[in-house]
Amino acid sequence: MSQHTNTPVEEGVTFFGNKPSEVLDAFHASGLSAQGYCIACRIVRQSVQRIDNGGTSRSLFRGQKLYAGTFIRTAN
């Protein structure tokens, strides 16, 4: 028998840019705020890695560090 929890499911969108203002501008232009999204944490410079099916990580954006902001909402 499976257990059911009342934990809300969240979903997110991450924007990347060369400056924090680009991330915020993209968020506002996207209309995600009206859909219930809010920022999850600080916008910081970071590298982005993708894990393939074999468990190997690969750099995205040619290893360039970009500012990233993640915005989340509770999924319906």
PDB file of N, CA and C in Angstrom:
ATOM      1  N   MET A   1       0.850  -1.168   0.000  1.00  0.00           N
ATOM      2  CA  MET A   1       0.000   0.000   0.000  1.00  0.00           C
ATOM      3  C   MET A   1       0.897   1.234   0.000  1.00  0.00           C
ATOM      4  N   SER A   2       0.579   2.200  -0.839  1.00  0.00           N
ATOM      5  CA  SER A   2       1.382   3.413  -0.901  1.00  0.00           C
ATOM      6  C   SER A   2       0.891   4.429   0.124  1.00  0.00           C
ATOM      7  N   GLN A   3       1.825   5.219   0.588  1.00  0.00           N
ATOM      8  CA  GLN A   3       1.484   6.264   1.543  1.00  0.00           C
ATOM      9  C   GLN A   3       1.251   7.566   0.782  1.00  0.00           C
ATOM     10  N   HIS A   4       0.266   8.304   1.204  1.00  0.00           N
ATOM     11  CA  HIS A   4      -0.009   9.608   0.604  1.00  0.00           C
ATOM     12  C   HIS A   4       0.406  10.686   1.591  1.00  0.00           C
ATOM     13  N   THR A   5       1.062  11.695   1.086  1.00  0.00           N
ATOM     14  CA  THR A   5       1.441  12.817   1.936  1.00  0.00           C
ATOM     15  C   THR A   5       0.762  14.070   1.405  1.00  0.00           C
ATOM     16  N   ASN A   6       0.663  15.048   2.252  1.00  0.00           N
ATOM     17  CA  ASN A   6       0.083  16.324   1.863  1.00  0.00           C
ATOM     18  C   ASN A   6       1.155  17.357   1.548  1.00  0.00           C
ATOM     19  N   THR A   7       2.365  16.885   1.254  1.00  0.00           N
ATOM     20  CA  THR A   7       3.451  17.792   0.929  1.00  0.00           C
ATOM     21  C   THR A   7       3.191  18.408  -0.440  1.00  0.00           C
ATOM     22  N   PRO A   8       3.157  19.740  -0.511  1.00  0.00           N
ATOM     23  CA  PRO A   8       2.915  20.370  -1.809  1.00  0.00           C
ATOM     24  C   PRO A   8       4.072  20.100  -2.771  1.00  0.00           C
ATOM     25  N   VAL A   9       3.761  19.942  -4.028  1.00  0.00           N
ATOM     26  CA  VAL A   9       4.763  19.753  -5.059  1.00  0.00           C
ATOM     27  C   VAL A   9       5.115  21.122  -5.619  1.00  0.00           C
ATOM     28  N   GLU A  10       6.403  21.389  -5.726  1.00  0.00           N
ATOM     29  CA  GLU A  10       6.845  22.675  -6.258  1.00  0.00           C
ATOM     30  C   GLU A  10       7.461  22.474  -7.635  1.00  0.00           C
ATOM     31  N   GLU A  11       7.415  23.532  -8.435  1.00  0.00           N
ATOM     32  CA  GLU A  11       8.093  23.531  -9.723  1.00  0.00           C
ATOM     33  C   GLU A  11       8.836  24.841  -9.853  1.00  0.00           C
ATOM     34  N   GLY A  12       9.869  24.840 -10.665  1.00  0.00           N
ATOM     35  CA  GLY A  12      10.689  26.030 -10.763  1.00  0.00           C
ATOM     36  C   GLY A  12      11.151  26.338 -12.168  1.00  0.00           C
ATOM     37  N   VAL A  13      11.624  27.572 -12.328  1.00  0.00           N
ATOM     38  CA  VAL A  13      12.215  28.059 -13.566  1.00  0.00           C
ATOM     39  C   VAL A  13      13.480  28.809 -13.168  1.00  0.00           C
ATOM     40  N   THR A  14      14.575  28.555 -13.890  1.00  0.00           N
ATOM     41  CA  THR A  14      15.827  29.253 -13.616  1.00  0.00           C
ATOM     42  C   THR A  14      16.211  30.087 -14.826  1.00  0.00           C
ATOM     43  N   PHE A  15      16.543  31.343 -14.569  1.00  0.00           N
ATOM     44  CA  PHE A  15      17.023  32.254 -15.603  1.00  0.00           C
ATOM     45  C   PHE A  15      18.514  32.481 -15.380  1.00  0.00           C
ATOM     46  N   PHE A  16      19.273  32.597 -16.483  1.00  0.00           N
ATOM     47  CA  PHE A  16      20.709  32.849 -16.436  1.00  0.00           C
ATOM     48  C   PHE A  16      21.005  34.137 -17.188  1.00  0.00           C
ATOM     49  N   GLY A  17      21.960  34.908 -16.675  1.00  0.00           N
ATOM     50  CA  GLY A  17      22.346  36.146 -17.347  1.00  0.00           C
ATOM     51  C   GLY A  17      23.733  36.578 -16.947  1.00  0.00           C
ATOM     52  N   ASN A  18      24.241  37.577 -17.642  1.00  0.00           N
ATOM     53  CA  ASN A  18      25.572  38.106 -17.339  1.00  0.00           C
ATOM     54  C   ASN A  18      25.575  39.045 -16.146  1.00  0.00           C
ATOM     55  N   LYS A  19      24.390  39.552 -15.775  1.00  0.00           N
ATOM     56  CA  LYS A  19      24.253  40.444 -14.625  1.00  0.00           C
ATOM     57  C   LYS A  19      22.977  40.064 -13.873  1.00  0.00           C
ATOM     58  N   PRO A  20      22.935  40.294 -12.557  1.00  0.00           N
ATOM     59  CA  PRO A  20      21.716  40.004 -11.809  1.00  0.00           C
ATOM     60  C   PRO A  20      20.499  40.738 -12.365  1.00  0.00           C
ATOM     61  N   SER A  21      20.703  41.957 -12.857  1.00  0.00           N
ATOM     62  CA  SER A  21      19.571  42.722 -13.396  1.00  0.00           C
ATOM     63  C   SER A  21      18.964  42.038 -14.616  1.00  0.00           C
ATOM     64  N   GLU A  22      19.768  41.345 -15.412  1.00  0.00           N
ATOM     65  CA  GLU A  22      19.234  40.614 -16.571  1.00  0.00           C
ATOM     66  C   GLU A  22      18.306  39.486 -16.124  1.00  0.00           C
ATOM     67  N   VAL A  23      18.684  38.817 -15.049  1.00  0.00           N
ATOM     68  CA  VAL A  23      17.860  37.725 -14.511  1.00  0.00           C
ATOM     69  C   VAL A  23      16.514  38.276 -14.041  1.00  0.00           C
ATOM     70  N   LEU A  24      16.559  39.354 -13.272  1.00  0.00           N
ATOM     71  CA  LEU A  24      15.313  39.947 -12.769  1.00  0.00           C
ATOM     72  C   LEU A  24      14.455  40.503 -13.903  1.00  0.00           C
ATOM     73  N   ASP A  25      15.090  41.130 -14.877  1.00  0.00           N
ATOM     74  CA  ASP A  25      14.330  41.657 -16.020  1.00  0.00           C
ATOM     75  C   ASP A  25      13.633  40.532 -16.774  1.00  0.00           C
ATOM     76  N   ALA A  26      14.329  39.418 -16.971  1.00  0.00           N
ATOM     77  CA  ALA A  26      13.737  38.282 -17.678  1.00  0.00           C
ATOM     78  C   ALA A  26      12.566  37.707 -16.894  1.00  0.00           C
ATOM     79  N   PHE A  27      12.703  37.630 -15.584  1.00  0.00           N
ATOM     80  CA  PHE A  27      11.611  37.130 -14.752  1.00  0.00           C
ATOM     81  C   PHE A  27      10.377  38.023 -14.889  1.00  0.00           C
ATOM     82  N   HIS A  28      10.569  39.324 -14.762  1.00  0.00           N
ATOM     83  CA  HIS A  28       9.429  40.244 -14.847  1.00  0.00           C
ATOM     84  C   HIS A  28       8.792  40.224 -16.237  1.00  0.00           C
ATOM     85  N   ALA A  29       9.617  40.132 -17.275  1.00  0.00           N
ATOM     86  CA  ALA A  29       9.096  40.110 -18.647  1.00  0.00           C
ATOM     87  C   ALA A  29       8.344  38.814 -18.957  1.00  0.00           C
ATOM     88  N   SER A  30       8.659  37.744 -18.245  1.00  0.00           N
ATOM     89  CA  SER A  30       8.057  36.435 -18.526  1.00  0.00           C
ATOM     90  C   SER A  30       6.614  36.311 -18.059  1.00  0.00           C
ATOM     91  N   GLY A  31       6.213  37.164 -17.117  1.00  0.00           N
ATOM     92  CA  GLY A  31       4.865  37.065 -16.569  1.00  0.00           C
ATOM     93  C   GLY A  31       4.707  35.964 -15.528  1.00  0.00           C
ATOM     94  N   LEU A  32       5.811  35.388 -15.080  1.00  0.00           N
ATOM     95  CA  LEU A  32       5.740  34.290 -14.105  1.00  0.00           C
ATOM     96  C   LEU A  32       5.226  34.744 -12.746  1.00  0.00           C
ATOM     97  N   SER A  33       5.438  36.001 -12.404  1.00  0.00           N
ATOM     98  CA  SER A  33       4.937  36.501 -11.123  1.00  0.00           C
ATOM     99  C   SER A  33       3.425  36.366 -11.045  1.00  0.00           C
ATOM    100  N   ALA A  34       2.751  36.691 -12.128  1.00  0.00           N
ATOM    101  CA  ALA A  34       1.286  36.583 -12.175  1.00  0.00           C
ATOM    102  C   ALA A  34       0.817  35.131 -12.087  1.00  0.00           C
ATOM    103  N   GLN A  35       1.737  34.187 -12.371  1.00  0.00           N
ATOM    104  CA  GLN A  35       1.419  32.768 -12.295  1.00  0.00           C
ATOM    105  C   GLN A  35       1.783  32.175 -10.930  1.00  0.00           C
ATOM    106  N   GLY A  36       2.199  33.036  -9.994  1.00  0.00           N
ATOM    107  CA  GLY A  36       2.479  32.586  -8.632  1.00  0.00           C
ATOM    108  C   GLY A  36       3.917  32.252  -8.324  1.00  0.00           C
ATOM    109  N   TYR A  37       4.846  32.545  -9.229  1.00  0.00           N
ATOM    110  CA  TYR A  37       6.258  32.259  -8.983  1.00  0.00           C
ATOM    111  C   TYR A  37       6.877  33.363  -8.126  1.00  0.00           C
ATOM    112  N   CYS A  38       7.820  32.977  -7.273  1.00  0.00           N
ATOM    113  CA  CYS A  38       8.599  33.932  -6.487  1.00  0.00           C
ATOM    114  C   CYS A  38      10.035  33.422  -6.417  1.00  0.00           C
ATOM    115  N   ILE A  39      10.938  34.300  -6.064  1.00  0.00           N
ATOM    116  CA  ILE A  39      12.348  33.916  -6.054  1.00  0.00           C
ATOM    117  C   ILE A  39      12.622  32.936  -4.918  1.00  0.00           C
ATOM    118  N   ALA A  40      13.450  31.928  -5.201  1.00  0.00           N
ATOM    119  CA  ALA A  40      13.745  30.881  -4.219  1.00  0.00           C
ATOM    120  C   ALA A  40      14.954  31.222  -3.353  1.00  0.00           C
ATOM    121  N   CYS A  41      15.909  31.960  -3.910  1.00  0.00           N
ATOM    122  CA  CYS A  41      17.130  32.290  -3.156  1.00  0.00           C
ATOM    123  C   CYS A  41      17.828  33.448  -3.852  1.00  0.00           C
ATOM    124  N   ARG A  42      18.996  33.789  -3.358  1.00  0.00           N
ATOM    125  CA  ARG A  42      19.764  34.897  -3.926  1.00  0.00           C
ATOM    126  C   ARG A  42      20.205  34.589  -5.354  1.00  0.00           C
ATOM    127  N   ILE A  43      20.378  35.632  -6.135  1.00  0.00           N
ATOM    128  CA  ILE A  43      20.933  35.505  -7.485  1.00  0.00           C
ATOM    129  C   ILE A  43      22.448  35.572  -7.345  1.00  0.00           C
ATOM    130  N   VAL A  44      23.131  34.492  -7.695  1.00  0.00           N
ATOM    131  CA  VAL A  44      24.582  34.407  -7.538  1.00  0.00           C
ATOM    132  C   VAL A  44      25.216  33.860  -8.822  1.00  0.00           C
ATOM    133  N   ARG A  45      26.513  34.156  -9.004  1.00  0.00           N
ATOM    134  CA  ARG A  45      27.266  33.589 -10.135  1.00  0.00           C
ATOM    135  C   ARG A  45      27.503  32.122  -9.873  1.00  0.00           C
ATOM    136  N   GLN A  46      27.321  31.322 -10.904  1.00  0.00           N
ATOM    137  CA  GLN A  46      27.563  29.894 -10.757  1.00  0.00           C
ATOM    138  C   GLN A  46      27.826  29.249 -12.103  1.00  0.00           C
ATOM    139  N   SER A  47      28.494  28.113 -12.050  1.00  0.00           N
ATOM    140  CA  SER A  47      28.643  27.306 -13.252  1.00  0.00           C
ATOM    141  C   SER A  47      27.485  26.314 -13.270  1.00  0.00           C
ATOM    142  N   VAL A  48      27.183  25.809 -14.449  1.00  0.00           N
ATOM    143  CA  VAL A  48      26.038  24.915 -14.596  1.00  0.00           C
ATOM    144  C   VAL A  48      26.536  23.572 -15.114  1.00  0.00           C
ATOM    145  N   GLN A  49      26.132  22.511 -14.430  1.00  0.00           N
ATOM    146  CA  GLN A  49      26.520  21.160 -14.809  1.00  0.00           C
ATOM    147  C   GLN A  49      25.277  20.337 -15.113  1.00  0.00           C
ATOM    148  N   ARG A  50      25.348  19.501 -16.138  1.00  0.00           N
ATOM    149  CA  ARG A  50      24.273  18.568 -16.449  1.00  0.00           C
ATOM    150  C   ARG A  50      24.811  17.171 -16.239  1.00  0.00           C
ATOM    151  N   ILE A  51      24.055  16.338 -15.547  1.00  0.00           N
ATOM    152  CA  ILE A  51      24.451  14.955 -15.292  1.00  0.00           C
ATOM    153  C   ILE A  51      23.805  14.082 -16.360  1.00  0.00           C
ATOM    154  N   ASP A  52      24.646  13.328 -17.110  1.00  0.00           N
ATOM    155  CA  ASP A  52      24.078  12.463 -18.142  1.00  0.00           C
ATOM    156  C   ASP A  52      23.632  11.131 -17.549  1.00  0.00           C
ATOM    157  N   ASN A  53      23.087  10.257 -18.390  1.00  0.00           N
ATOM    158  CA  ASN A  53      22.560   8.972 -17.920  1.00  0.00           C
ATOM    159  C   ASN A  53      23.606   8.094 -17.249  1.00  0.00           C
ATOM    160  N   GLY A  54      24.862   8.276 -17.601  1.00  0.00           N
ATOM    161  CA  GLY A  54      25.930   7.494 -17.000  1.00  0.00           C
ATOM    162  C   GLY A  54      26.472   8.085 -15.707  1.00  0.00           C
ATOM    163  N   GLY A  55      25.925   9.224 -15.286  1.00  0.00           N
ATOM    164  CA  GLY A  55      26.367   9.860 -14.059  1.00  0.00           C
ATOM    165  C   GLY A  55      27.515  10.832 -14.239  1.00  0.00           C
ATOM    166  N   THR A  56      27.921  11.068 -15.472  1.00  0.00           N
ATOM    167  CA  THR A  56      29.012  12.000 -15.744  1.00  0.00           C
ATOM    168  C   THR A  56      28.467  13.416 -15.851  1.00  0.00           C
ATOM    169  N   SER A  57      29.159  14.369 -15.209  1.00  0.00           N
ATOM    170  CA  SER A  57      28.711  15.764 -15.301  1.00  0.00           C
ATOM    171  C   SER A  57      29.398  16.446 -16.473  1.00  0.00           C
ATOM    172  N   ARG A  58      28.649  17.308 -17.114  1.00  0.00           N
ATOM    173  CA  ARG A  58      29.157  18.058 -18.265  1.00  0.00           C
ATOM    174  C   ARG A  58      28.780  19.525 -18.089  1.00  0.00           C
ATOM    175  N   SER A  59      29.746  20.388 -18.359  1.00  0.00           N
ATOM    176  CA  SER A  59      29.509  21.830 -18.232  1.00  0.00           C
ATOM    177  C   SER A  59      28.573  22.322 -19.322  1.00  0.00           C
ATOM    178  N   LEU A  60      27.649  23.180 -18.931  1.00  0.00           N
ATOM    179  CA  LEU A  60      26.811  23.885 -19.888  1.00  0.00           C
ATOM    180  C   LEU A  60      27.358  25.298 -20.043  1.00  0.00           C
ATOM    181  N   PHE A  61      26.988  25.972 -21.092  1.00  0.00           N
ATOM    182  CA  PHE A  61      27.444  27.338 -21.374  1.00  0.00           C
ATOM    183  C   PHE A  61      28.970  27.410 -21.469  1.00  0.00           C
ATOM    184  N   ARG A  62      29.583  26.327 -21.970  1.00  0.00           N
ATOM    185  CA  ARG A  62      31.056  26.251 -22.141  1.00  0.00           C
ATOM    186  C   ARG A  62      31.807  26.539 -20.850  1.00  0.00           C
ATOM    187  N   GLY A  63      31.194  26.220 -19.718  1.00  0.00           N
ATOM    188  CA  GLY A  63      31.832  26.415 -18.425  1.00  0.00           C
ATOM    189  C   GLY A  63      31.794  27.840 -17.908  1.00  0.00           C
ATOM    190  N   GLN A  64      31.186  28.743 -18.673  1.00  0.00           N
ATOM    191  CA  GLN A  64      31.095  30.148 -18.265  1.00  0.00           C
ATOM    192  C   GLN A  64      30.243  30.276 -17.007  1.00  0.00           C
ATOM    193  N   LYS A  65      30.712  31.083 -16.051  1.00  0.00           N
ATOM    194  CA  LYS A  65      29.907  31.365 -14.863  1.00  0.00           C
ATOM    195  C   LYS A  65      28.937  32.485 -15.178  1.00  0.00           C
ATOM    196  N   LEU A  66      27.669  32.235 -14.889  1.00  0.00           N
ATOM    197  CA  LEU A  66      26.616  33.204 -15.125  1.00  0.00           C
ATOM    198  C   LEU A  66      25.840  33.435 -13.842  1.00  0.00           C
ATOM    199  N   TYR A  67      25.140  34.545 -13.778  1.00  0.00           N
ATOM    200  CA  TYR A  67      24.239  34.779 -12.661  1.00  0.00           C
ATOM    201  C   TYR A  67      22.981  33.957 -12.896  1.00  0.00           C
ATOM    202  N   ALA A  68      22.503  33.304 -11.854  1.00  0.00           N
ATOM    203  CA  ALA A  68      21.315  32.462 -11.974  1.00  0.00           C
ATOM    204  C   ALA A  68      20.337  32.803 -10.855  1.00  0.00           C
ATOM    205  N   GLY A  69      19.073  32.852 -11.238  1.00  0.00           N
ATOM    206  CA  GLY A  69      18.006  33.061 -10.281  1.00  0.00           C
ATOM    207  C   GLY A  69      16.935  32.017 -10.514  1.00  0.00           C
ATOM    208  N   THR A  70      16.564  31.305  -9.465  1.00  0.00           N
ATOM    209  CA  THR A  70      15.517  30.291  -9.559  1.00  0.00           C
ATOM    210  C   THR A  70      14.251  30.808  -8.923  1.00  0.00           C
ATOM    211  N   PHE A  71      13.155  30.622  -9.615  1.00  0.00           N
ATOM    212  CA  PHE A  71      11.840  31.091  -9.177  1.00  0.00           C
ATOM    213  C   PHE A  71      10.932  29.867  -9.076  1.00  0.00           C
ATOM    214  N   ILE A  72      10.208  29.759  -7.971  1.00  0.00           N
ATOM    215  CA  ILE A  72       9.388  28.561  -7.722  1.00  0.00           C
ATOM    216  C   ILE A  72       7.936  28.929  -7.418  1.00  0.00           C
ATOM    217  N   ARG A  73       7.085  27.916  -7.556  1.00  0.00           N
ATOM    218  CA  ARG A  73       5.696  28.037  -7.142  1.00  0.00           C
ATOM    219  C   ARG A  73       5.206  26.649  -6.760  1.00  0.00           C
ATOM    220  N   THR A  74       4.131  26.609  -6.010  1.00  0.00           N
ATOM    221  CA  THR A  74       3.487  25.343  -5.706  1.00  0.00           C
ATOM    222  C   THR A  74       2.711  24.911  -6.932  1.00  0.00           C
ATOM    223  N   ALA A  75       2.934  23.686  -7.369  1.00  0.00           N
ATOM    224  CA  ALA A  75       2.251  23.169  -8.562  1.00  0.00           C
ATOM    225  C   ALA A  75       0.806  22.823  -8.247  1.00  0.00           C
ATOM    226  N   ASN A  76      -0.026  22.964  -9.224  1.00  0.00           N
ATOM    227  CA  ASN A  76      -1.452  22.641  -9.053  1.00  0.00           C
ATOM    228  C   ASN A  76      -1.690  21.157  -9.153  1.00  0.00           C
TER     229      ASN A  76
END
